[in-house]
Amino acid sequence: MKKLDLHTSSPRALALALALAAPGCGDDGGGGASTITATPGTALHHAQTCQVALGRIPAWACRDGVEIPIHVDGVRVTSTPETCDDKDLKGACIVGSYVGSVAGESLDGTPNPNVSWVYFCRRDDDFAQMIGHDTVTGATCFFELQNGYMPLVDGVPEGKVPGIDDPDYERAWKRPEAIAVQECNTCHTPDPFIHTPFVDAARNPDTPDRPVVPMVATPDSPYFVVGDAFAAWTFDYVEFDDNACTTCHRMPDFTRFTFGSGVDFNAHMPPLDPGSLKADYDAVVECLEQGPDKAPGCAWAALDGAEPSKDPGKKTYVGEATFETTYGTLGAADPFAAGQATLSITGIVVDDTTSVAGPAPGAPDTTQLDVIGHLTVPDAPGGLLFVARFLVPDAAFTDGSTPSTQAGTLVSSLVVEVPSKDESFAIGELLEGSLTLTRAGTGAGAAVEGSFLVTWQGVSDKK
């Protein structure tokens, strides 16, 4: 029998792993059991392991699901508007995304009401995603299609995804490590399925009073992710001394709760009397904005009693970017007209990017390079700016240079700027990594081009 590589850092996960190790589960013992035969680390091995934990993995097509309706002033629209009633978590109003759910089945084909599968196809993304979850054991699996595997037709991946027995499965689906590095747990923190007014506008065709995405989580429901590749994922949430919101909800962190969509959950909750718990809601917002390490009456907690990882200094952010600008653009009135960039930071979504460079204020003989990501936030003029900031000695700011922490030629921080409030604060300081300067110089108008791959360690200095 193959060794099961379930992530067993929690008591529930360990109990499930021991149960799965019993004869007839994950071996050739019959009863419709699944044998784990694939090479560890492959997409197929991940699927086989998840099939042991969750039962039969469904095959589906994006258009089998329900198109998420977009409304403007209560009227459904058929083309993407500039703004809408309920934006997605990226703050967008894109028409043409699909979400679907599939009821669980055991490997012998019998229904398993404890398991739900949800897939999501965001319009114009050349991939799709799926989550499977067992409400009794808490076992959860994350899947993502390879970028470009399925052709886009009218902005939606076309065709049925390959099932676990399809010979093309390995080519179609990403390896678990490629999924884990995206840190999906940053948003899927207190429970696997995210509910917002945007996604819940898609209603179940058979039961229109319910959303397509199952509402299965409770403040005490079990939740862990299957697979060694996900062992580094942490699941922190915020506990309150006395708050009615947590009667039903396990509260996520500030990133998931308020960034991006700008949703005022007080306008929607509680469902039968929206706004009636405003004092409790305001206490939640105050705690998350100040940080549970600073605000009274709340504190970080972790599933299964593990040590919370989101205390100051324990969270990490991985940043990767390319940039192209010129020396002297730092402080430009419109930085987004002064350069170009691509920027990816784990757990952070941006909708526009740029880069600027110039003499570092207050630091003689030093160049400051900022790679900037903008996030639109409703009712916040200027939105939010996530700034990957690098300080490099002028002597090292040259063509072909690779300033690094090891060489002592690189200082970096991850900064959030709030233009509407004229404030900024660091959320990360450089832990490791390097900056590659393909072209660089400190003369006026000198070309500045390159890339970086760094890790910042979380800090908490927001006042």
Protein backbone atom coordinates (compact mmCIF):
# COMPACT_ATOMS: atom_id res chain seq x y z
CA MET A 1 0.00 0.00 0.00
CA LYS A 2 1.28 3.44 -0.92
CA LYS A 3 2.06 5.83 1.89
CA LEU A 4 -0.59 8.53 2.21
CA ASP A 5 0.87 12.02 2.19
CA LEU A 6 -2.01 13.77 3.90
CA HIS A 7 -0.96 16.91 5.72
CA THR A 8 -1.30 15.75 9.32
CA SER A 9 -0.47 18.82 11.41
CA SER A 10 -3.93 18.88 12.99
CA PRO A 11 -5.69 16.27 15.14
CA ARG A 12 -8.55 15.94 12.66
CA ALA A 13 -6.13 15.43 9.78
CA LEU A 14 -4.20 12.83 11.76
CA ALA A 15 -7.40 10.97 12.59
CA LEU A 16 -8.41 10.94 8.95
CA ALA A 17 -4.97 9.74 7.84
CA LEU A 18 -5.14 6.84 10.30
CA ALA A 19 -8.62 5.95 9.07
CA LEU A 20 -7.49 6.03 5.47
CA ALA A 21 -4.60 3.72 6.28
CA ALA A 22 -7.07 0.96 7.15
CA PRO A 23 -7.47 -1.98 4.71
CA GLY A 24 -9.70 -1.23 1.75
CA CYS A 25 -8.95 2.48 1.74
CA GLY A 26 -6.27 3.63 -0.64
CA ASP A 27 -5.16 0.08 -1.52
CA ASP A 28 -6.36 -2.79 -3.68
CA GLY A 29 -8.72 -4.03 -1.01
CA GLY A 30 -11.81 -3.62 -3.18
CA GLY A 31 -14.96 -1.77 -2.40
CA GLY A 32 -14.23 0.82 -5.08
CA ALA A 33 -11.07 1.96 -3.28
CA SER A 34 -8.54 4.15 -5.02
CA THR A 35 -4.93 3.06 -5.36
CA ILE A 36 -2.30 5.78 -5.11
CA THR A 37 0.15 4.80 -7.83
CA ALA A 38 1.37 8.12 -9.28
CA THR A 39 4.73 9.71 -8.54
CA PRO A 40 4.61 11.97 -5.45
CA GLY A 41 4.55 15.65 -6.32
CA THR A 42 2.67 15.16 -9.57
CA ALA A 43 -0.81 16.44 -10.34
CA LEU A 44 -2.07 12.87 -10.61
CA HIS A 45 -0.64 11.87 -7.23
CA HIS A 46 -2.39 14.89 -5.69
CA ALA A 47 -5.67 13.84 -7.33
CA GLN A 48 -5.36 10.24 -6.21
CA THR A 49 -4.68 11.32 -2.63
CA CYS A 50 -7.63 13.72 -2.69
CA GLN A 51 -9.84 11.00 -4.13
CA VAL A 52 -9.08 8.82 -1.10
CA ALA A 53 -10.04 11.68 1.21
CA LEU A 54 -13.07 13.06 -0.67
CA GLY A 55 -14.33 10.40 -3.07
CA ARG A 56 -14.82 10.69 -6.80
CA ILE A 57 -13.36 13.87 -8.34
CA PRO A 58 -15.87 15.35 -10.79
CA ALA A 59 -15.23 16.39 -14.38
CA TRP A 60 -17.10 19.49 -15.53
CA ALA A 61 -17.20 22.32 -18.04
CA CYS A 62 -17.23 25.97 -17.01
CA ARG A 63 -20.55 26.56 -18.75
CA ASP A 64 -22.10 23.69 -16.78
CA GLY A 65 -22.12 26.18 -13.93
CA VAL A 66 -24.14 29.35 -13.41
CA GLU A 67 -23.06 32.66 -14.86
CA ILE A 68 -22.55 35.16 -12.05
CA PRO A 69 -24.98 38.00 -12.77
CA ILE A 70 -23.80 41.61 -12.61
CA HIS A 71 -26.33 44.28 -11.63
CA VAL A 72 -26.31 48.06 -11.84
CA ASP A 73 -28.96 49.71 -9.65
CA GLY A 74 -30.69 46.35 -9.38
CA VAL A 75 -30.85 45.72 -13.14
CA ARG A 76 -28.84 42.88 -14.64
CA VAL A 77 -26.42 43.99 -17.37
CA THR A 78 -24.91 41.96 -20.22
CA SER A 79 -21.72 43.94 -20.78
CA THR A 80 -19.10 44.88 -18.20
CA PRO A 81 -19.91 48.25 -16.58
CA GLU A 82 -17.49 50.67 -14.94
CA THR A 83 -19.15 50.06 -11.59
CA CYS A 84 -21.85 47.75 -10.26
CA ASP A 85 -23.90 46.88 -7.19
CA ASP A 86 -21.73 44.01 -5.97
CA LYS A 87 -18.08 43.90 -7.02
CA ASP A 88 -15.88 40.85 -6.81
CA LEU A 89 -13.00 40.56 -4.36
CA LYS A 90 -10.74 42.31 -6.86
CA GLY A 91 -13.10 45.26 -7.01
CA ALA A 92 -14.19 44.40 -10.57
CA CYS A 93 -17.58 44.06 -12.28
CA ILE A 94 -16.66 41.65 -15.08
CA VAL A 95 -19.62 40.05 -16.85
CA GLY A 96 -19.27 36.43 -17.90
CA SER A 97 -17.69 34.54 -14.98
CA TYR A 98 -19.10 31.14 -14.01
CA VAL A 99 -19.33 29.23 -10.75
CA GLY A 100 -20.61 25.69 -10.31
CA SER A 101 -21.02 23.06 -7.62
CA VAL A 102 -21.10 19.28 -7.79
CA ALA A 103 -22.42 16.99 -5.06
CA GLY A 104 -19.95 14.48 -3.64
CA GLU A 105 -19.89 10.80 -4.53
CA SER A 106 -18.08 7.90 -2.94
CA LEU A 107 -15.74 5.92 -5.16
CA ASP A 108 -18.45 3.30 -5.67
CA GLY A 109 -20.78 5.97 -7.05
CA THR A 110 -23.08 6.33 -4.03
CA PRO A 111 -23.91 9.91 -2.98
CA ASN A 112 -21.86 11.46 -0.19
CA PRO A 113 -23.81 14.43 1.18
CA ASN A 114 -20.85 15.47 3.33
CA VAL A 115 -18.72 16.42 0.32
CA SER A 116 -19.13 19.40 -1.99
CA TRP A 117 -17.09 20.47 -5.01
CA VAL A 118 -17.03 24.05 -6.25
CA TYR A 119 -15.38 25.27 -9.46
CA PHE A 120 -14.82 28.84 -10.58
CA CYS A 121 -14.10 30.24 -14.06
CA ARG A 122 -13.33 33.95 -14.03
CA ARG A 123 -13.95 35.58 -17.40
CA ASP A 124 -10.77 36.14 -19.44
CA ASP A 125 -8.65 33.93 -17.14
CA ASP A 126 -7.10 31.13 -19.21
CA PHE A 127 -7.43 28.67 -16.33
CA ALA A 128 -10.05 27.52 -13.82
CA GLN A 129 -10.04 26.41 -10.20
CA MET A 130 -11.79 23.83 -8.03
CA ILE A 131 -12.12 23.13 -4.30
CA GLY A 132 -13.46 19.95 -2.72
CA HIS A 133 -14.47 19.86 0.95
CA ASP A 134 -15.81 17.30 3.43
CA THR A 135 -17.85 18.97 6.17
CA VAL A 136 -17.45 16.06 8.61
CA THR A 137 -13.71 15.41 8.43
CA GLY A 138 -12.69 18.90 7.27
CA ALA A 139 -10.57 17.41 4.47
CA THR A 140 -10.17 19.94 1.65
CA CYS A 141 -8.39 19.87 -1.71
CA PHE A 142 -7.41 22.73 -4.03
CA PHE A 143 -7.01 22.26 -7.79
CA GLU A 144 -6.08 24.60 -10.65
CA LEU A 145 -5.92 24.05 -14.41
CA GLN A 146 -2.74 24.80 -16.30
CA ASN A 147 -2.78 28.25 -17.88
CA GLY A 148 -3.87 28.04 -21.50
CA TYR A 149 -4.73 24.32 -21.42
CA MET A 150 -8.31 25.00 -22.51
CA PRO A 151 -9.04 27.55 -25.26
CA LEU A 152 -10.99 30.68 -24.36
CA VAL A 153 -14.30 31.11 -26.19
CA ASP A 154 -15.96 34.46 -25.46
CA GLY A 155 -13.58 34.80 -22.52
CA VAL A 156 -14.47 31.45 -20.90
CA PRO A 157 -12.42 28.21 -20.97
CA GLU A 158 -14.17 25.88 -23.40
CA GLY A 159 -14.68 22.13 -23.00
CA LYS A 160 -14.81 19.59 -20.18
CA VAL A 161 -11.84 19.30 -17.84
CA PRO A 162 -9.99 15.96 -17.89
CA GLY A 163 -10.95 13.54 -15.13
CA ILE A 164 -8.53 11.54 -13.03
CA ASP A 165 -8.59 8.58 -15.47
CA ASP A 166 -7.97 10.74 -18.53
CA PRO A 167 -4.47 10.19 -20.00
CA ASP A 168 -4.19 13.97 -20.40
CA TYR A 169 -4.80 14.64 -16.70
CA GLU A 170 -1.15 15.38 -15.87
CA ARG A 171 -0.83 17.90 -18.69
CA ALA A 172 -4.10 19.63 -17.80
CA TRP A 173 -3.73 20.20 -14.06
CA LYS A 174 -1.06 21.97 -12.02
CA ARG A 175 1.21 20.14 -9.61
CA PRO A 176 0.32 20.72 -5.94
CA GLU A 177 3.50 22.74 -5.35
CA ALA A 178 2.46 25.15 -8.12
CA ILE A 179 -0.84 25.67 -6.32
CA ALA A 180 0.60 25.86 -2.82
CA VAL A 181 3.02 28.66 -3.71
CA GLN A 182 0.04 30.89 -4.53
CA GLU A 183 -1.02 30.78 -0.86
CA CYS A 184 -4.73 30.40 -1.55
CA ASN A 185 -5.11 30.14 2.22
CA THR A 186 -4.52 33.89 2.44
CA CYS A 187 -8.17 34.33 1.45
CA HIS A 188 -9.56 30.84 2.09
CA THR A 189 -8.50 31.14 5.72
CA PRO A 190 -11.28 30.36 8.20
CA ASP A 191 -13.19 28.05 5.83
CA PRO A 192 -12.79 26.76 2.25
CA PHE A 193 -15.64 28.54 0.48
CA ILE A 194 -15.80 32.33 0.27
CA HIS A 195 -19.20 34.05 0.28
CA THR A 196 -19.71 37.62 -0.90
CA PRO A 197 -22.70 39.37 -2.47
CA PHE A 198 -20.89 39.03 -5.83
CA VAL A 199 -20.50 35.26 -5.91
CA ASP A 200 -23.74 34.58 -4.04
CA ALA A 201 -25.67 36.36 -6.79
CA ALA A 202 -25.30 33.05 -8.64
CA ARG A 203 -28.22 31.00 -7.37
CA ASN A 204 -28.69 27.25 -7.42
CA PRO A 205 -31.10 26.45 -10.31
CA ASP A 206 -32.78 23.67 -8.30
CA THR A 207 -33.08 25.72 -5.10
CA PRO A 208 -33.11 29.42 -6.07
CA ASP A 209 -33.22 30.49 -2.44
CA ARG A 210 -29.68 29.18 -2.03
CA PRO A 211 -26.43 30.29 -3.67
CA VAL A 212 -24.46 27.97 -5.93
CA VAL A 213 -21.53 27.98 -3.49
CA PRO A 214 -22.58 25.80 -0.54
CA MET A 215 -23.01 27.49 2.82
CA VAL A 216 -21.47 24.82 5.02
CA ALA A 217 -19.08 26.55 7.44
CA THR A 218 -19.75 27.20 11.12
CA PRO A 219 -17.58 28.78 13.82
CA ASP A 220 -16.46 25.28 14.83
CA SER A 221 -16.43 23.35 11.55
CA PRO A 222 -13.30 21.28 10.81
CA TYR A 223 -11.03 22.41 7.99
CA PHE A 224 -7.60 21.28 6.80
CA VAL A 225 -5.92 20.88 3.40
CA VAL A 226 -4.81 17.51 2.06
CA GLY A 227 -1.25 17.10 0.80
CA ASP A 228 2.32 17.63 1.99
CA ALA A 229 2.76 20.47 -0.49
CA PHE A 230 0.34 22.54 1.60
CA ALA A 231 1.95 21.86 4.98
CA ALA A 232 3.24 25.44 5.23
CA TRP A 233 -0.24 26.90 4.84
CA THR A 234 -1.58 28.41 8.04
CA PHE A 235 -5.19 29.04 8.97
CA ASP A 236 -5.40 31.95 11.35
CA TYR A 237 -8.60 33.73 12.22
CA VAL A 238 -9.64 36.38 14.72
CA GLU A 239 -11.36 35.57 18.00
CA PHE A 240 -13.49 38.12 19.87
CA ASP A 241 -14.31 38.24 23.55
CA ASP A 242 -17.97 39.01 22.94
CA ASN A 243 -19.29 39.61 19.44
CA ALA A 244 -22.54 38.48 17.86
CA CYS A 245 -20.95 38.17 14.39
CA THR A 246 -18.87 35.22 15.55
CA THR A 247 -22.01 33.35 16.63
CA CYS A 248 -22.21 32.21 13.00
CA HIS A 249 -18.86 33.16 11.48
CA ARG A 250 -15.23 32.29 12.03
CA MET A 251 -13.77 35.70 11.30
CA PRO A 252 -11.08 36.08 8.62
CA ASP A 253 -8.33 38.67 8.60
CA PHE A 254 -8.35 42.21 7.24
CA THR A 255 -7.03 41.25 3.78
CA ARG A 256 -10.00 39.02 3.04
CA PHE A 257 -12.58 41.00 4.98
CA THR A 258 -12.34 44.48 3.48
CA PHE A 259 -9.71 44.85 0.75
CA GLY A 260 -10.58 44.82 -2.94
CA SER A 261 -14.33 44.76 -3.18
CA GLY A 262 -15.06 47.36 -0.51
CA VAL A 263 -18.16 45.38 0.46
CA ASP A 264 -20.08 46.81 3.40
CA PHE A 265 -21.11 43.52 4.98
CA ASN A 266 -23.21 45.42 7.48
CA ALA A 267 -25.61 46.17 4.62
CA HIS A 268 -26.14 42.44 4.11
CA MET A 269 -25.82 40.87 7.56
CA PRO A 270 -27.50 39.42 9.46
CA PRO A 271 -29.60 38.10 6.57
CA LEU A 272 -33.04 38.63 8.12
CA ASP A 273 -32.28 42.04 9.63
CA PRO A 274 -29.33 43.72 7.85
CA GLY A 275 -27.60 46.39 9.90
CA SER A 276 -29.06 45.32 13.23
CA LEU A 277 -25.63 44.24 14.53
CA LYS A 278 -23.79 47.38 13.47
CA ALA A 279 -22.03 47.82 16.80
CA ASP A 280 -20.64 44.29 16.59
CA TYR A 281 -19.71 44.82 12.95
CA ASP A 282 -17.92 48.07 13.75
CA ALA A 283 -15.96 46.29 16.48
CA VAL A 284 -14.85 43.69 13.94
CA VAL A 285 -13.72 46.36 11.47
CA GLU A 286 -11.89 48.30 14.19
CA CYS A 287 -10.07 45.18 15.33
CA LEU A 288 -9.02 44.18 11.83
CA GLU A 289 -7.92 47.67 10.82
CA GLN A 290 -5.82 48.18 13.96
CA GLY A 291 -4.58 44.61 14.03
CA PRO A 292 -5.63 41.93 16.52
CA ASP A 293 -2.25 42.32 18.24
CA LYS A 294 -3.16 45.92 19.15
CA ALA A 295 -6.94 46.24 19.35
CA PRO A 296 -8.71 45.36 22.62
CA GLY A 297 -11.16 42.49 22.81
CA CYS A 298 -9.78 40.41 19.94
CA ALA A 299 -6.78 38.21 19.24
CA TRP A 300 -5.32 35.88 16.63
CA ALA A 301 -6.27 32.21 16.86
CA ALA A 302 -5.58 29.19 14.66
CA LEU A 303 -7.53 26.10 13.70
CA ASP A 304 -7.13 23.08 15.98
CA GLY A 305 -5.42 25.19 18.60
CA ALA A 306 -2.20 25.61 16.61
CA GLU A 307 0.06 28.58 17.27
CA PRO A 308 -1.19 31.58 15.24
CA SER A 309 1.25 32.56 12.50
CA LYS A 310 -0.06 36.02 11.71
CA ASP A 311 1.28 37.70 14.80
CA PRO A 312 3.66 40.51 13.82
CA GLY A 313 6.87 39.19 12.33
CA LYS A 314 5.55 35.72 11.47
CA LYS A 315 3.78 36.29 8.16
CA THR A 316 5.85 36.32 4.97
CA TYR A 317 5.21 37.82 1.55
CA VAL A 318 6.90 36.53 -1.61
CA GLY A 319 7.28 39.18 -4.31
CA GLU A 320 8.26 38.76 -7.94
CA ALA A 321 8.38 41.49 -10.59
CA THR A 322 9.84 42.92 -13.75
CA PHE A 323 10.23 46.67 -14.16
CA GLU A 324 11.18 49.30 -16.72
CA THR A 325 11.56 53.01 -15.99
CA THR A 326 14.18 55.78 -16.04
CA TYR A 327 16.29 57.39 -13.34
CA GLY A 328 14.70 60.57 -11.99
CA THR A 329 11.07 59.41 -12.06
CA LEU A 330 10.85 58.95 -8.27
CA GLY A 331 8.33 61.50 -7.00
CA ALA A 332 6.62 61.91 -10.38
CA ALA A 333 3.17 63.47 -10.17
CA ASP A 334 1.78 60.48 -12.07
CA PRO A 335 4.01 57.47 -11.40
CA PHE A 336 1.84 55.27 -13.63
CA ALA A 337 2.92 57.34 -16.61
CA ALA A 338 6.58 57.15 -15.62
CA GLY A 339 7.30 53.45 -16.02
CA GLN A 340 6.06 49.91 -16.47
CA ALA A 341 6.07 46.77 -14.35
CA THR A 342 4.59 43.38 -13.66
CA LEU A 343 4.13 42.61 -9.97
CA SER A 344 3.04 39.53 -8.05
CA ILE A 345 2.89 39.44 -4.25
CA THR A 346 1.39 36.48 -2.41
CA GLY A 347 -1.96 37.34 -0.87
CA ILE A 348 -2.19 40.77 -2.53
CA VAL A 349 -4.22 41.70 -5.59
CA VAL A 350 -3.41 44.76 -7.73
CA ASP A 351 -5.08 46.15 -10.85
CA ASP A 352 -2.32 48.40 -12.25
CA THR A 353 1.48 48.50 -11.94
CA THR A 354 4.40 50.84 -12.55
CA SER A 355 7.97 51.55 -11.43
CA VAL A 356 9.98 54.67 -10.59
CA ALA A 357 13.57 55.33 -9.54
CA GLY A 358 15.71 58.21 -8.32
CA PRO A 359 17.83 59.56 -5.47
CA ALA A 360 16.65 58.17 -2.12
CA PRO A 361 15.33 60.95 0.14
CA GLY A 362 17.56 61.39 3.17
CA ALA A 363 20.05 58.74 2.05
CA PRO A 364 23.11 60.16 0.28
CA ASP A 365 24.68 58.13 -2.56
CA THR A 366 21.69 55.78 -2.57
CA THR A 367 19.08 55.02 -5.21
CA GLN A 368 15.46 54.27 -4.36
CA LEU A 369 13.57 51.96 -6.72
CA ASP A 370 9.82 51.57 -6.19
CA VAL A 371 7.77 48.93 -7.98
CA ILE A 372 4.17 49.91 -7.35
CA GLY A 373 0.88 48.05 -7.52
CA HIS A 374 -2.43 49.92 -7.38
CA LEU A 375 -5.65 48.48 -6.00
CA THR A 376 -8.95 50.25 -6.59
CA VAL A 377 -10.98 50.53 -3.40
CA PRO A 378 -14.51 51.99 -3.53
CA ASP A 379 -14.94 55.27 -1.68
CA ALA A 380 -11.16 55.67 -1.28
CA PRO A 381 -9.80 58.19 -3.81
CA GLY A 382 -6.52 56.93 -5.13
CA GLY A 383 -7.20 53.43 -3.83
CA LEU A 384 -4.30 51.62 -2.15
CA LEU A 385 -0.70 51.41 -3.32
CA PHE A 386 1.44 48.38 -2.53
CA VAL A 387 5.06 49.47 -2.94
CA ALA A 388 8.02 47.10 -3.23
CA ARG A 389 10.74 49.53 -2.17
CA PHE A 390 14.44 48.93 -2.72
CA LEU A 391 17.41 51.01 -1.52
CA VAL A 392 20.65 50.34 -3.42
CA PRO A 393 24.05 52.07 -3.07
CA ASP A 394 24.72 54.14 -6.17
CA ALA A 395 27.93 52.19 -6.70
CA ALA A 396 25.88 48.99 -7.09
CA PHE A 397 23.17 50.58 -9.24
CA THR A 398 24.80 49.65 -12.56
CA ASP A 399 24.18 47.52 -15.63
CA GLY A 400 24.25 43.80 -14.83
CA SER A 401 24.39 44.31 -11.06
CA THR A 402 22.62 41.90 -8.69
CA PRO A 403 22.31 43.65 -5.33
CA SER A 404 21.41 41.16 -2.59
CA THR A 405 20.99 40.78 1.13
CA GLN A 406 23.97 38.43 1.22
CA ALA A 407 26.21 41.06 -0.36
CA GLY A 408 24.89 43.76 1.93
CA THR A 409 23.93 45.91 -1.05
CA LEU A 410 20.16 45.65 -0.78
CA VAL A 411 17.59 46.98 1.66
CA SER A 412 13.91 46.46 0.89
CA SER A 413 10.50 46.85 2.45
CA LEU A 414 6.91 46.23 1.43
CA VAL A 415 4.89 49.37 2.04
CA VAL A 416 1.19 50.20 1.86
CA GLU A 417 0.31 53.79 0.95
CA VAL A 418 -3.17 55.28 1.36
CA PRO A 419 -3.25 58.41 -0.84
CA SER A 420 -6.64 59.60 0.40
CA LYS A 421 -5.30 59.75 3.97
CA ASP A 422 -1.72 60.72 3.07
CA GLU A 423 -0.40 57.88 5.19
CA SER A 424 1.85 54.90 4.65
CA PHE A 425 3.06 51.96 6.71
CA ALA A 426 5.38 49.01 6.22
CA ILE A 427 3.92 45.52 6.28
CA GLY A 428 7.12 43.64 5.45
CA GLU A 429 10.90 43.93 5.72
CA LEU A 430 13.34 42.07 3.50
CA LEU A 431 14.09 38.55 4.65
CA GLU A 432 15.97 37.22 1.63
CA GLY A 433 16.24 37.61 -2.11
CA SER A 434 17.96 39.57 -4.82
CA LEU A 435 17.42 42.29 -7.36
CA THR A 436 18.65 41.89 -10.95
CA LEU A 437 19.47 45.13 -12.76
CA THR A 438 19.64 44.46 -16.48
CA ARG A 439 20.16 48.16 -17.16
CA ALA A 440 20.77 50.81 -14.51
CA GLY A 441 22.54 54.09 -13.89
CA THR A 442 22.28 57.24 -11.81
CA GLY A 443 22.43 59.77 -14.61
CA ALA A 444 19.30 61.77 -15.43
CA GLY A 445 17.10 59.74 -17.75
CA ALA A 446 19.24 56.59 -17.50
CA ALA A 447 17.34 53.41 -18.34
CA VAL A 448 16.40 51.27 -15.33
CA GLU A 449 15.26 47.74 -16.16
CA GLY A 450 15.34 44.42 -14.38
CA SER A 451 13.52 42.02 -12.09
CA PHE A 452 13.42 40.79 -8.50
CA LEU A 453 12.42 37.77 -6.46
CA VAL A 454 12.38 38.42 -2.72
CA THR A 455 10.69 37.42 0.51
CA TRP A 456 9.59 39.99 3.06
CA GLN A 457 8.93 39.12 6.69
CA GLY A 458 5.76 40.61 8.06
CA VAL A 459 5.89 43.53 10.45
CA SER A 460 3.17 45.53 12.13
CA ASP A 461 3.90 49.23 12.43
CA LYS A 462 0.54 50.64 11.37
CA LYS A 463 -0.43 53.38 13.78
